[in-house]
Structures are given as C-alpha cells and as structure tokens.
Amino acid sequence: MNKIQMNDNKTLKLTNVLCYKIPLDDEDINIDMSIQKMQSYIKVKGAVQIGPLIQYTRTIMNENNEIDMELIMMLQCSNFIHNVANQNFRGLPKIVSNEL
C-alpha cells in the first residue's frame, strides 16, 4: 500500500467530490452516520469512492466578529454524480458540491 505524502501549502485539486458541511452547533449530529450515508449515496448512484475521506477544517469570522470553525467532509467519486448542490438526501444535511 502506498504511503500518503503530507505537504504544506500545496493545493489539492479534486473532481467529482461529494462534500458535507458538518453542523457543529447541533449536539445530536452523528458524524460517523453522516459519512456512512455519503458512502451509501455514492454506491447507490453507481460510483465508487476513490481515496480516503478528506477532512477540511477552517476558521471564519461570524457576524459578531467571533471566530467560528467550519468542518467539511469530502469523498471523491469515480465518476460524476448529477449536481447535488444544496439538496437534502434522506436525512443527510445539505451537500455542498460535486466539484472543488
């Protein structure tokens, strides 16, 4: 199995990516269940997951000038799934994008 190389300040170009923004203000959110739903959605659409789960974390300033954290989970697919941006699929909160 190949090792994953870690680099600082390197841009990662991804296509056919299913993204899910985790609602951190919801205490009842089950991240594992959300990831399983994403994987299941990919399989139902006839695609295959490529590579590992990618976790993207960033900080942003909210309207009160306080720092908030944003967490996005990403799974890359073998082929394009129709545009699923801003749609809700079977309990999975809004999926962000197919392409980043």
PDB file of N, CA and C in Angstrom:
ATOM      1  N   MET A   1       0.837  -1.178   0.000  1.00  0.00           N
ATOM      2  CA  MET A   1       0.000   0.000   0.000  1.00  0.00           C
ATOM      3  C   MET A   1       0.883   1.243   0.000  1.00  0.00           C
ATOM      4  N   ASN A   2       0.540   2.219  -0.827  1.00  0.00           N
ATOM      5  CA  ASN A   2       1.325   3.442  -0.929  1.00  0.00           C
ATOM      6  C   ASN A   2       1.127   4.323   0.289  1.00  0.00           C
ATOM      7  N   LYS A   3       2.177   5.046   0.649  1.00  0.00           N
ATOM      8  CA  LYS A   3       2.094   5.982   1.757  1.00  0.00           C
ATOM      9  C   LYS A   3       1.515   7.295   1.273  1.00  0.00           C
ATOM     10  N   ILE A   4       0.761   7.969   2.128  1.00  0.00           N
ATOM     11  CA  ILE A   4       0.224   9.289   1.806  1.00  0.00           C
ATOM     12  C   ILE A   4       1.290  10.310   2.138  1.00  0.00           C
ATOM     13  N   GLN A   5       1.613  11.169   1.166  1.00  0.00           N
ATOM     14  CA  GLN A   5       2.610  12.203   1.385  1.00  0.00           C
ATOM     15  C   GLN A   5       1.931  13.463   1.898  1.00  0.00           C
ATOM     16  N   MET A   6       2.505  14.062   2.912  1.00  0.00           N
ATOM     17  CA  MET A   6       1.984  15.289   3.500  1.00  0.00           C
ATOM     18  C   MET A   6       2.863  16.456   3.068  1.00  0.00           C
ATOM     19  N   ASN A   7       2.255  17.518   2.545  1.00  0.00           N
ATOM     20  CA  ASN A   7       2.975  18.715   2.136  1.00  0.00           C
ATOM     21  C   ASN A   7       2.249  19.943   2.643  1.00  0.00           C
ATOM     22  N   ASP A   8       3.017  20.946   3.070  1.00  0.00           N
ATOM     23  CA  ASP A   8       2.434  22.219   3.478  1.00  0.00           C
ATOM     24  C   ASP A   8       2.271  23.114   2.262  1.00  0.00           C
ATOM     25  N   ASN A   9       1.235  23.938   2.278  1.00  0.00           N
ATOM     26  CA  ASN A   9       0.985  24.936   1.233  1.00  0.00           C
ATOM     27  C   ASN A   9       0.868  24.330  -0.155  1.00  0.00           C
ATOM     28  N   LYS A  10       0.277  23.162  -0.253  1.00  0.00           N
ATOM     29  CA  LYS A  10       0.068  22.530  -1.549  1.00  0.00           C
ATOM     30  C   LYS A  10      -1.428  22.492  -1.829  1.00  0.00           C
ATOM     31  N   THR A  11      -1.814  22.881  -3.027  1.00  0.00           N
ATOM     32  CA  THR A  11      -3.214  22.889  -3.412  1.00  0.00           C
ATOM     33  C   THR A  11      -3.610  21.498  -3.904  1.00  0.00           C
ATOM     34  N   LEU A  12      -4.712  21.011  -3.395  1.00  0.00           N
ATOM     35  CA  LEU A  12      -5.223  19.705  -3.781  1.00  0.00           C
ATOM     36  C   LEU A  12      -6.387  19.913  -4.726  1.00  0.00           C
ATOM     37  N   LYS A  13      -6.263  19.471  -5.978  1.00  0.00           N
ATOM     38  CA  LYS A  13      -7.326  19.622  -6.961  1.00  0.00           C
ATOM     39  C   LYS A  13      -8.156  18.348  -6.975  1.00  0.00           C
ATOM     40  N   LEU A  14      -9.440  18.498  -6.682  1.00  0.00           N
ATOM     41  CA  LEU A  14     -10.340  17.360  -6.622  1.00  0.00           C
ATOM     42  C   LEU A  14     -11.482  17.543  -7.612  1.00  0.00           C
ATOM     43  N   THR A  15     -11.889  16.458  -8.264  1.00  0.00           N
ATOM     44  CA  THR A  15     -13.071  16.475  -9.116  1.00  0.00           C
ATOM     45  C   THR A  15     -13.995  15.358  -8.659  1.00  0.00           C
ATOM     46  N   ASN A  16     -15.277  15.492  -8.986  1.00  0.00           N
ATOM     47  CA  ASN A  16     -16.285  14.503  -8.605  1.00  0.00           C
ATOM     48  C   ASN A  16     -16.261  14.240  -7.100  1.00  0.00           C
ATOM     49  N   VAL A  17     -16.365  15.318  -6.346  1.00  0.00           N
ATOM     50  CA  VAL A  17     -16.269  15.242  -4.898  1.00  0.00           C
ATOM     51  C   VAL A  17     -17.634  15.494  -4.266  1.00  0.00           C
ATOM     52  N   LEU A  18     -17.997  14.637  -3.344  1.00  0.00           N
ATOM     53  CA  LEU A  18     -19.211  14.815  -2.555  1.00  0.00           C
ATOM     54  C   LEU A  18     -18.775  15.414  -1.224  1.00  0.00           C
ATOM     55  N   CYS A  19     -19.303  16.595  -0.895  1.00  0.00           N
ATOM     56  CA  CYS A  19     -18.895  17.320   0.314  1.00  0.00           C
ATOM     57  C   CYS A  19     -20.073  17.477   1.257  1.00  0.00           C
ATOM     58  N   TYR A  20     -19.771  17.449   2.539  1.00  0.00           N
ATOM     59  CA  TYR A  20     -20.792  17.627   3.557  1.00  0.00           C
ATOM     60  C   TYR A  20     -20.262  18.547   4.646  1.00  0.00           C
ATOM     61  N   LYS A  21     -20.923  19.676   4.833  1.00  0.00           N
ATOM     62  CA  LYS A  21     -20.540  20.622   5.877  1.00  0.00           C
ATOM     63  C   LYS A  21     -21.196  20.178   7.174  1.00  0.00           C
ATOM     64  N   ILE A  22     -20.391  19.857   8.176  1.00  0.00           N
ATOM     65  CA  ILE A  22     -20.871  19.369   9.461  1.00  0.00           C
ATOM     66  C   ILE A  22     -21.451  20.540  10.259  1.00  0.00           C
ATOM     67  N   PRO A  23     -22.710  20.433  10.683  1.00  0.00           N
ATOM     68  CA  PRO A  23     -23.286  21.495  11.522  1.00  0.00           C
ATOM     69  C   PRO A  23     -22.785  21.354  12.961  1.00  0.00           C
ATOM     70  N   LEU A  24     -21.760  22.119  13.312  1.00  0.00           N
ATOM     71  CA  LEU A  24     -21.132  21.991  14.628  1.00  0.00           C
ATOM     72  C   LEU A  24     -22.009  22.486  15.766  1.00  0.00           C
ATOM     73  N   ASP A  25     -23.039  23.273  15.448  1.00  0.00           N
ATOM     74  CA  ASP A  25     -23.923  23.771  16.503  1.00  0.00           C
ATOM     75  C   ASP A  25     -24.958  22.725  16.933  1.00  0.00           C
ATOM     76  N   ASP A  26     -25.078  21.640  16.194  1.00  0.00           N
ATOM     77  CA  ASP A  26     -26.020  20.567  16.509  1.00  0.00           C
ATOM     78  C   ASP A  26     -25.315  19.521  17.374  1.00  0.00           C
ATOM     79  N   GLU A  27     -25.733  19.393  18.633  1.00  0.00           N
ATOM     80  CA  GLU A  27     -25.099  18.459  19.557  1.00  0.00           C
ATOM     81  C   GLU A  27     -25.446  17.006  19.242  1.00  0.00           C
ATOM     82  N   ASP A  28     -26.558  16.768  18.548  1.00  0.00           N
ATOM     83  CA  ASP A  28     -27.017  15.412  18.267  1.00  0.00           C
ATOM     84  C   ASP A  28     -26.469  14.854  16.962  1.00  0.00           C
ATOM     85  N   ILE A  29     -25.594  15.578  16.286  1.00  0.00           N
ATOM     86  CA  ILE A  29     -25.081  15.127  14.990  1.00  0.00           C
ATOM     87  C   ILE A  29     -24.177  13.901  15.182  1.00  0.00           C
ATOM     88  N   ASN A  30     -24.376  12.919  14.342  1.00  0.00           N
ATOM     89  CA  ASN A  30     -23.565  11.712  14.349  1.00  0.00           C
ATOM     90  C   ASN A  30     -22.712  11.746  13.087  1.00  0.00           C
ATOM     91  N   ILE A  31     -21.460  12.130  13.227  1.00  0.00           N
ATOM     92  CA  ILE A  31     -20.577  12.290  12.073  1.00  0.00           C
ATOM     93  C   ILE A  31     -20.359  10.962  11.361  1.00  0.00           C
ATOM     94  N   ASP A  32     -20.185   9.876  12.114  1.00  0.00           N
ATOM     95  CA  ASP A  32     -19.986   8.555  11.502  1.00  0.00           C
ATOM     96  C   ASP A  32     -21.180   8.157  10.634  1.00  0.00           C
ATOM     97  N   MET A  33     -22.386   8.417  11.125  1.00  0.00           N
ATOM     98  CA  MET A  33     -23.594   8.084  10.363  1.00  0.00           C
ATOM     99  C   MET A  33     -23.678   8.936   9.096  1.00  0.00           C
ATOM    100  N   SER A  34     -23.308  10.202   9.193  1.00  0.00           N
ATOM    101  CA  SER A  34     -23.330  11.091   8.028  1.00  0.00           C
ATOM    102  C   SER A  34     -22.355  10.619   6.954  1.00  0.00           C
ATOM    103  N   ILE A  35     -21.176  10.169   7.371  1.00  0.00           N
ATOM    104  CA  ILE A  35     -20.178   9.664   6.412  1.00  0.00           C
ATOM    105  C   ILE A  35     -20.675   8.374   5.773  1.00  0.00           C
ATOM    106  N   GLN A  36     -21.308   7.488   6.561  1.00  0.00           N
ATOM    107  CA  GLN A  36     -21.863   6.255   6.004  1.00  0.00           C
ATOM    108  C   GLN A  36     -22.952   6.566   4.984  1.00  0.00           C
ATOM    109  N   LYS A  37     -23.757   7.591   5.244  1.00  0.00           N
ATOM    110  CA  LYS A  37     -24.798   7.991   4.294  1.00  0.00           C
ATOM    111  C   LYS A  37     -24.187   8.516   3.005  1.00  0.00           C
ATOM    112  N   MET A  38     -23.103   9.260   3.114  1.00  0.00           N
ATOM    113  CA  MET A  38     -22.415   9.747   1.911  1.00  0.00           C
ATOM    114  C   MET A  38     -21.889   8.570   1.092  1.00  0.00           C
ATOM    115  N   GLN A  39     -21.244   7.610   1.760  1.00  0.00           N
ATOM    116  CA  GLN A  39     -20.707   6.436   1.073  1.00  0.00           C
ATOM    117  C   GLN A  39     -21.817   5.618   0.423  1.00  0.00           C
ATOM    118  N   SER A  40     -22.932   5.484   1.118  1.00  0.00           N
ATOM    119  CA  SER A  40     -24.068   4.751   0.586  1.00  0.00           C
ATOM    120  C   SER A  40     -24.653   5.462  -0.635  1.00  0.00           C
ATOM    121  N   TYR A  41     -24.747   6.790  -0.573  1.00  0.00           N
ATOM    122  CA  TYR A  41     -25.263   7.574  -1.698  1.00  0.00           C
ATOM    123  C   TYR A  41     -24.387   7.387  -2.932  1.00  0.00           C
ATOM    124  N   ILE A  42     -23.072   7.377  -2.731  1.00  0.00           N
ATOM    125  CA  ILE A  42     -22.144   7.169  -3.846  1.00  0.00           C
ATOM    126  C   ILE A  42     -22.380   5.797  -4.484  1.00  0.00           C
ATOM    127  N   LYS A  43     -22.538   4.756  -3.660  1.00  0.00           N
ATOM    128  CA  LYS A  43     -22.763   3.404  -4.179  1.00  0.00           C
ATOM    129  C   LYS A  43     -24.089   3.289  -4.917  1.00  0.00           C
ATOM    130  N   VAL A  44     -25.143   3.897  -4.375  1.00  0.00           N
ATOM    131  CA  VAL A  44     -26.469   3.843  -4.998  1.00  0.00           C
ATOM    132  C   VAL A  44     -26.438   4.488  -6.383  1.00  0.00           C
ATOM    133  N   LYS A  45     -25.635   5.522  -6.558  1.00  0.00           N
ATOM    134  CA  LYS A  45     -25.547   6.215  -7.841  1.00  0.00           C
ATOM    135  C   LYS A  45     -24.603   5.523  -8.816  1.00  0.00           C
ATOM    136  N   GLY A  46     -24.062   4.360  -8.447  1.00  0.00           N
ATOM    137  CA  GLY A  46     -23.231   3.573  -9.350  1.00  0.00           C
ATOM    138  C   GLY A  46     -21.790   4.025  -9.420  1.00  0.00           C
ATOM    139  N   ALA A  47     -21.369   4.842  -8.501  1.00  0.00           N
ATOM    140  CA  ALA A  47     -19.983   5.303  -8.473  1.00  0.00           C
ATOM    141  C   ALA A  47     -19.216   4.539  -7.401  1.00  0.00           C
ATOM    142  N   VAL A  48     -17.911   4.732  -7.389  1.00  0.00           N
ATOM    143  CA  VAL A  48     -17.040   4.100  -6.414  1.00  0.00           C
ATOM    144  C   VAL A  48     -16.217   5.192  -5.739  1.00  0.00           C
ATOM    145  N   GLN A  49     -16.040   5.062  -4.441  1.00  0.00           N
ATOM    146  CA  GLN A  49     -15.215   6.023  -3.716  1.00  0.00           C
ATOM    147  C   GLN A  49     -13.758   5.835  -4.106  1.00  0.00           C
ATOM    148  N   ILE A  50     -13.077   6.955  -4.381  1.00  0.00           N
ATOM    149  CA  ILE A  50     -11.658   6.931  -4.718  1.00  0.00           C
ATOM    150  C   ILE A  50     -10.902   7.620  -3.591  1.00  0.00           C
ATOM    151  N   GLY A  51      -9.945   6.955  -3.026  1.00  0.00           N
ATOM    152  CA  GLY A  51      -9.116   7.568  -2.000  1.00  0.00           C
ATOM    153  C   GLY A  51      -9.787   7.637  -0.642  1.00  0.00           C
ATOM    154  N   PRO A  52      -9.101   8.278   0.295  1.00  0.00           N
ATOM    155  CA  PRO A  52      -9.585   8.332   1.673  1.00  0.00           C
ATOM    156  C   PRO A  52     -10.601   9.447   1.892  1.00  0.00           C
ATOM    157  N   LEU A  53     -11.205   9.445   3.054  1.00  0.00           N
ATOM    158  CA  LEU A  53     -12.050  10.542   3.488  1.00  0.00           C
ATOM    159  C   LEU A  53     -11.149  11.754   3.721  1.00  0.00           C
ATOM    160  N   ILE A  54     -11.558  12.895   3.202  1.00  0.00           N
ATOM    161  CA  ILE A  54     -10.787  14.133   3.357  1.00  0.00           C
ATOM    162  C   ILE A  54     -11.544  15.038   4.309  1.00  0.00           C
ATOM    163  N   GLN A  55     -10.856  15.523   5.321  1.00  0.00           N
ATOM    164  CA  GLN A  55     -11.449  16.428   6.298  1.00  0.00           C
ATOM    165  C   GLN A  55     -10.828  17.803   6.107  1.00  0.00           C
ATOM    166  N   TYR A  56     -11.676  18.795   5.824  1.00  0.00           N
ATOM    167  CA  TYR A  56     -11.221  20.170   5.616  1.00  0.00           C
ATOM    168  C   TYR A  56     -11.747  21.022   6.756  1.00  0.00           C
ATOM    169  N   THR A  57     -10.858  21.649   7.491  1.00  0.00           N
ATOM    170  CA  THR A  57     -11.231  22.483   8.628  1.00  0.00           C
ATOM    171  C   THR A  57     -10.685  23.880   8.408  1.00  0.00           C
ATOM    172  N   ARG A  58     -11.523  24.877   8.681  1.00  0.00           N
ATOM    173  CA  ARG A  58     -11.060  26.255   8.594  1.00  0.00           C
ATOM    174  C   ARG A  58     -11.790  27.103   9.626  1.00  0.00           C
ATOM    175  N   THR A  59     -11.207  28.240   9.922  1.00  0.00           N
ATOM    176  CA  THR A  59     -11.841  29.179  10.837  1.00  0.00           C
ATOM    177  C   THR A  59     -12.347  30.368  10.040  1.00  0.00           C
ATOM    178  N   ILE A  60     -13.498  30.884  10.456  1.00  0.00           N
ATOM    179  CA  ILE A  60     -14.093  32.044   9.796  1.00  0.00           C
ATOM    180  C   ILE A  60     -14.593  33.009  10.870  1.00  0.00           C
ATOM    181  N   MET A  61     -14.738  34.262  10.490  1.00  0.00           N
ATOM    182  CA  MET A  61     -15.287  35.269  11.397  1.00  0.00           C
ATOM    183  C   MET A  61     -16.793  35.343  11.184  1.00  0.00           C
ATOM    184  N   ASN A  62     -17.567  35.283  12.272  1.00  0.00           N
ATOM    185  CA  ASN A  62     -19.014  35.382  12.145  1.00  0.00           C
ATOM    186  C   ASN A  62     -19.446  36.845  12.224  1.00  0.00           C
ATOM    187  N   GLU A  63     -20.753  37.061  12.221  1.00  0.00           N
ATOM    188  CA  GLU A  63     -21.282  38.427  12.218  1.00  0.00           C
ATOM    189  C   GLU A  63     -20.982  39.190  13.504  1.00  0.00           C
ATOM    190  N   ASN A  64     -20.634  38.480  14.581  1.00  0.00           N
ATOM    191  CA  ASN A  64     -20.295  39.115  15.859  1.00  0.00           C
ATOM    192  C   ASN A  64     -18.786  39.290  16.026  1.00  0.00           C
ATOM    193  N   ASN A  65     -18.050  39.135  14.925  1.00  0.00           N
ATOM    194  CA  ASN A  65     -16.584  39.203  14.929  1.00  0.00           C
ATOM    195  C   ASN A  65     -15.947  38.197  15.883  1.00  0.00           C
ATOM    196  N   GLU A  66     -16.555  37.040  15.981  1.00  0.00           N
ATOM    197  CA  GLU A  66     -16.015  35.936  16.759  1.00  0.00           C
ATOM    198  C   GLU A  66     -15.566  34.853  15.788  1.00  0.00           C
ATOM    199  N   ILE A  67     -14.603  34.077  16.210  1.00  0.00           N
ATOM    200  CA  ILE A  67     -14.077  33.017  15.349  1.00  0.00           C
ATOM    201  C   ILE A  67     -14.977  31.789  15.456  1.00  0.00           C
ATOM    202  N   ASP A  68     -15.394  31.298  14.305  1.00  0.00           N
ATOM    203  CA  ASP A  68     -16.159  30.057  14.215  1.00  0.00           C
ATOM    204  C   ASP A  68     -15.339  29.048  13.424  1.00  0.00           C
ATOM    205  N   MET A  69     -15.566  27.781  13.705  1.00  0.00           N
ATOM    206  CA  MET A  69     -14.882  26.730  12.976  1.00  0.00           C
ATOM    207  C   MET A  69     -15.856  26.091  11.992  1.00  0.00           C
ATOM    208  N   GLU A  70     -15.365  25.775  10.811  1.00  0.00           N
ATOM    209  CA  GLU A  70     -16.155  25.107   9.789  1.00  0.00           C
ATOM    210  C   GLU A  70     -15.463  23.791   9.453  1.00  0.00           C
ATOM    211  N   LEU A  71     -16.233  22.711   9.443  1.00  0.00           N
ATOM    212  CA  LEU A  71     -15.703  21.381   9.182  1.00  0.00           C
ATOM    213  C   LEU A  71     -16.446  20.779   7.995  1.00  0.00           C
ATOM    214  N   ILE A  72     -15.703  20.385   6.966  1.00  0.00           N
ATOM    215  CA  ILE A  72     -16.297  19.805   5.757  1.00  0.00           C
ATOM    216  C   ILE A  72     -15.648  18.447   5.495  1.00  0.00           C
ATOM    217  N   MET A  73     -16.497  17.438   5.323  1.00  0.00           N
ATOM    218  CA  MET A  73     -16.038  16.095   4.980  1.00  0.00           C
ATOM    219  C   MET A  73     -16.198  15.905   3.477  1.00  0.00           C
ATOM    220  N   MET A  74     -15.194  15.309   2.821  1.00  0.00           N
ATOM    221  CA  MET A  74     -15.216  15.134   1.376  1.00  0.00           C
ATOM    222  C   MET A  74     -14.872  13.702   0.992  1.00  0.00           C
ATOM    223  N   LEU A  75     -15.619  13.181   0.018  1.00  0.00           N
ATOM    224  CA  LEU A  75     -15.342  11.875  -0.565  1.00  0.00           C
ATOM    225  C   LEU A  75     -15.270  12.042  -2.077  1.00  0.00           C
ATOM    226  N   GLN A  76     -14.196  11.547  -2.678  1.00  0.00           N
ATOM    227  CA  GLN A  76     -14.045  11.634  -4.125  1.00  0.00           C
ATOM    228  C   GLN A  76     -14.636  10.386  -4.772  1.00  0.00           C
ATOM    229  N   CYS A  77     -15.356  10.599  -5.895  1.00  0.00           N
ATOM    230  CA  CYS A  77     -16.045   9.513  -6.599  1.00  0.00           C
ATOM    231  C   CYS A  77     -15.334   9.185  -7.905  1.00  0.00           C
ATOM    232  N   SER A  78     -15.623   7.999  -8.417  1.00  0.00           N
ATOM    233  CA  SER A  78     -15.022   7.560  -9.678  1.00  0.00           C
ATOM    234  C   SER A  78     -15.617   8.263 -10.889  1.00  0.00           C
ATOM    235  N   ASN A  79     -16.857   8.707 -10.790  1.00  0.00           N
ATOM    236  CA  ASN A  79     -17.478   9.411 -11.904  1.00  0.00           C
ATOM    237  C   ASN A  79     -18.424  10.486 -11.385  1.00  0.00           C
ATOM    238  N   PHE A  80     -18.872  11.348 -12.283  1.00  0.00           N
ATOM    239  CA  PHE A  80     -19.714  12.483 -11.926  1.00  0.00           C
ATOM    240  C   PHE A  80     -21.114  12.004 -11.547  1.00  0.00           C
ATOM    241  N   ILE A  81     -21.591  12.458 -10.401  1.00  0.00           N
ATOM    242  CA  ILE A  81     -22.977  12.253  -9.988  1.00  0.00           C
ATOM    243  C   ILE A  81     -23.660  13.578 -10.259  1.00  0.00           C
ATOM    244  N   HIS A  82     -24.886  13.538 -10.782  1.00  0.00           N
ATOM    245  CA  HIS A  82     -25.570  14.779 -11.139  1.00  0.00           C
ATOM    246  C   HIS A  82     -25.385  15.828 -10.051  1.00  0.00           C
ATOM    247  N   ASN A  83     -25.566  17.081 -10.381  1.00  0.00           N
ATOM    248  CA  ASN A  83     -25.331  18.189  -9.462  1.00  0.00           C
ATOM    249  C   ASN A  83     -26.235  18.064  -8.240  1.00  0.00           C
ATOM    250  N   VAL A  84     -25.647  17.789  -7.091  1.00  0.00           N
ATOM    251  CA  VAL A  84     -26.404  17.586  -5.868  1.00  0.00           C
ATOM    252  C   VAL A  84     -26.264  18.768  -4.904  1.00  0.00           C
ATOM    253  N   ALA A  85     -25.738  19.872  -5.374  1.00  0.00           N
ATOM    254  CA  ALA A  85     -25.504  21.031  -4.505  1.00  0.00           C
ATOM    255  C   ALA A  85     -26.800  21.533  -3.892  1.00  0.00           C
ATOM    256  N   ASN A  86     -26.742  21.823  -2.608  1.00  0.00           N
ATOM    257  CA  ASN A  86     -27.844  22.413  -1.845  1.00  0.00           C
ATOM    258  C   ASN A  86     -29.114  21.582  -1.862  1.00  0.00           C
ATOM    259  N   GLN A  87     -28.981  20.275  -1.859  1.00  0.00           N
ATOM    260  CA  GLN A  87     -30.134  19.398  -1.791  1.00  0.00           C
ATOM    261  C   GLN A  87     -30.021  18.532  -0.547  1.00  0.00           C
ATOM    262  N   ASN A  88     -31.134  18.040  -0.071  1.00  0.00           N
ATOM    263  CA  ASN A  88     -31.156  17.211   1.121  1.00  0.00           C
ATOM    264  C   ASN A  88     -31.560  15.796   0.712  1.00  0.00           C
ATOM    265  N   PHE A  89     -30.704  14.796   0.982  1.00  0.00           N
ATOM    266  CA  PHE A  89     -30.970  13.429   0.584  1.00  0.00           C
ATOM    267  C   PHE A  89     -31.109  12.523   1.795  1.00  0.00           C
ATOM    268  N   ARG A  90     -32.327  12.072   2.063  1.00  0.00           N
ATOM    269  CA  ARG A  90     -32.617  11.070   3.091  1.00  0.00           C
ATOM    270  C   ARG A  90     -31.925  11.341   4.416  1.00  0.00           C
ATOM    271  N   GLY A  91     -32.151  12.513   4.973  1.00  0.00           N
ATOM    272  CA  GLY A  91     -31.626  12.819   6.292  1.00  0.00           C
ATOM    273  C   GLY A  91     -30.218  13.355   6.304  1.00  0.00           C
ATOM    274  N   LEU A  92     -29.503  13.271   5.183  1.00  0.00           N
ATOM    275  CA  LEU A  92     -28.158  13.834   5.127  1.00  0.00           C
ATOM    276  C   LEU A  92     -28.297  15.328   4.896  1.00  0.00           C
ATOM    277  N   PRO A  93     -27.818  16.148   5.807  1.00  0.00           N
ATOM    278  CA  PRO A  93     -27.944  17.596   5.610  1.00  0.00           C
ATOM    279  C   PRO A  93     -27.288  18.041   4.310  1.00  0.00           C
ATOM    280  N   LYS A  94     -27.478  19.263   3.948  1.00  0.00           N
ATOM    281  CA  LYS A  94     -27.113  19.777   2.633  1.00  0.00           C
ATOM    282  C   LYS A  94     -25.699  19.422   2.212  1.00  0.00           C
ATOM    283  N   ILE A  95     -25.602  18.872   1.028  1.00  0.00           N
ATOM    284  CA  ILE A  95     -24.329  18.506   0.440  1.00  0.00           C
ATOM    285  C   ILE A  95     -23.817  19.742  -0.286  1.00  0.00           C
ATOM    286  N   VAL A  96     -22.552  20.050  -0.102  1.00  0.00           N
ATOM    287  CA  VAL A  96     -22.011  21.311  -0.571  1.00  0.00           C
ATOM    288  C   VAL A  96     -21.766  21.330  -2.071  1.00  0.00           C
ATOM    289  N   SER A  97     -21.086  20.339  -2.629  1.00  0.00           N
ATOM    290  CA  SER A  97     -20.631  20.459  -4.009  1.00  0.00           C
ATOM    291  C   SER A  97     -20.219  19.128  -4.591  1.00  0.00           C
ATOM    292  N   ASN A  98     -20.217  19.045  -5.905  1.00  0.00           N
ATOM    293  CA  ASN A  98     -19.695  17.880  -6.606  1.00  0.00           C
ATOM    294  C   ASN A  98     -18.266  18.101  -7.071  1.00  0.00           C
ATOM    295  N   GLU A  99     -17.832  19.354  -7.155  1.00  0.00           N
ATOM    296  CA  GLU A  99     -16.522  19.639  -7.703  1.00  0.00           C
ATOM    297  C   GLU A  99     -15.867  20.753  -6.917  1.00  0.00           C
ATOM    298  N   LEU A 100     -14.624  20.544  -6.524  1.00  0.00           N
ATOM    299  CA  LEU A 100     -13.867  21.565  -5.789  1.00  0.00           C
ATOM    300  C   LEU A 100     -12.575  21.834  -6.504  1.00  0.00           C
TER     301      LEU A 100
END
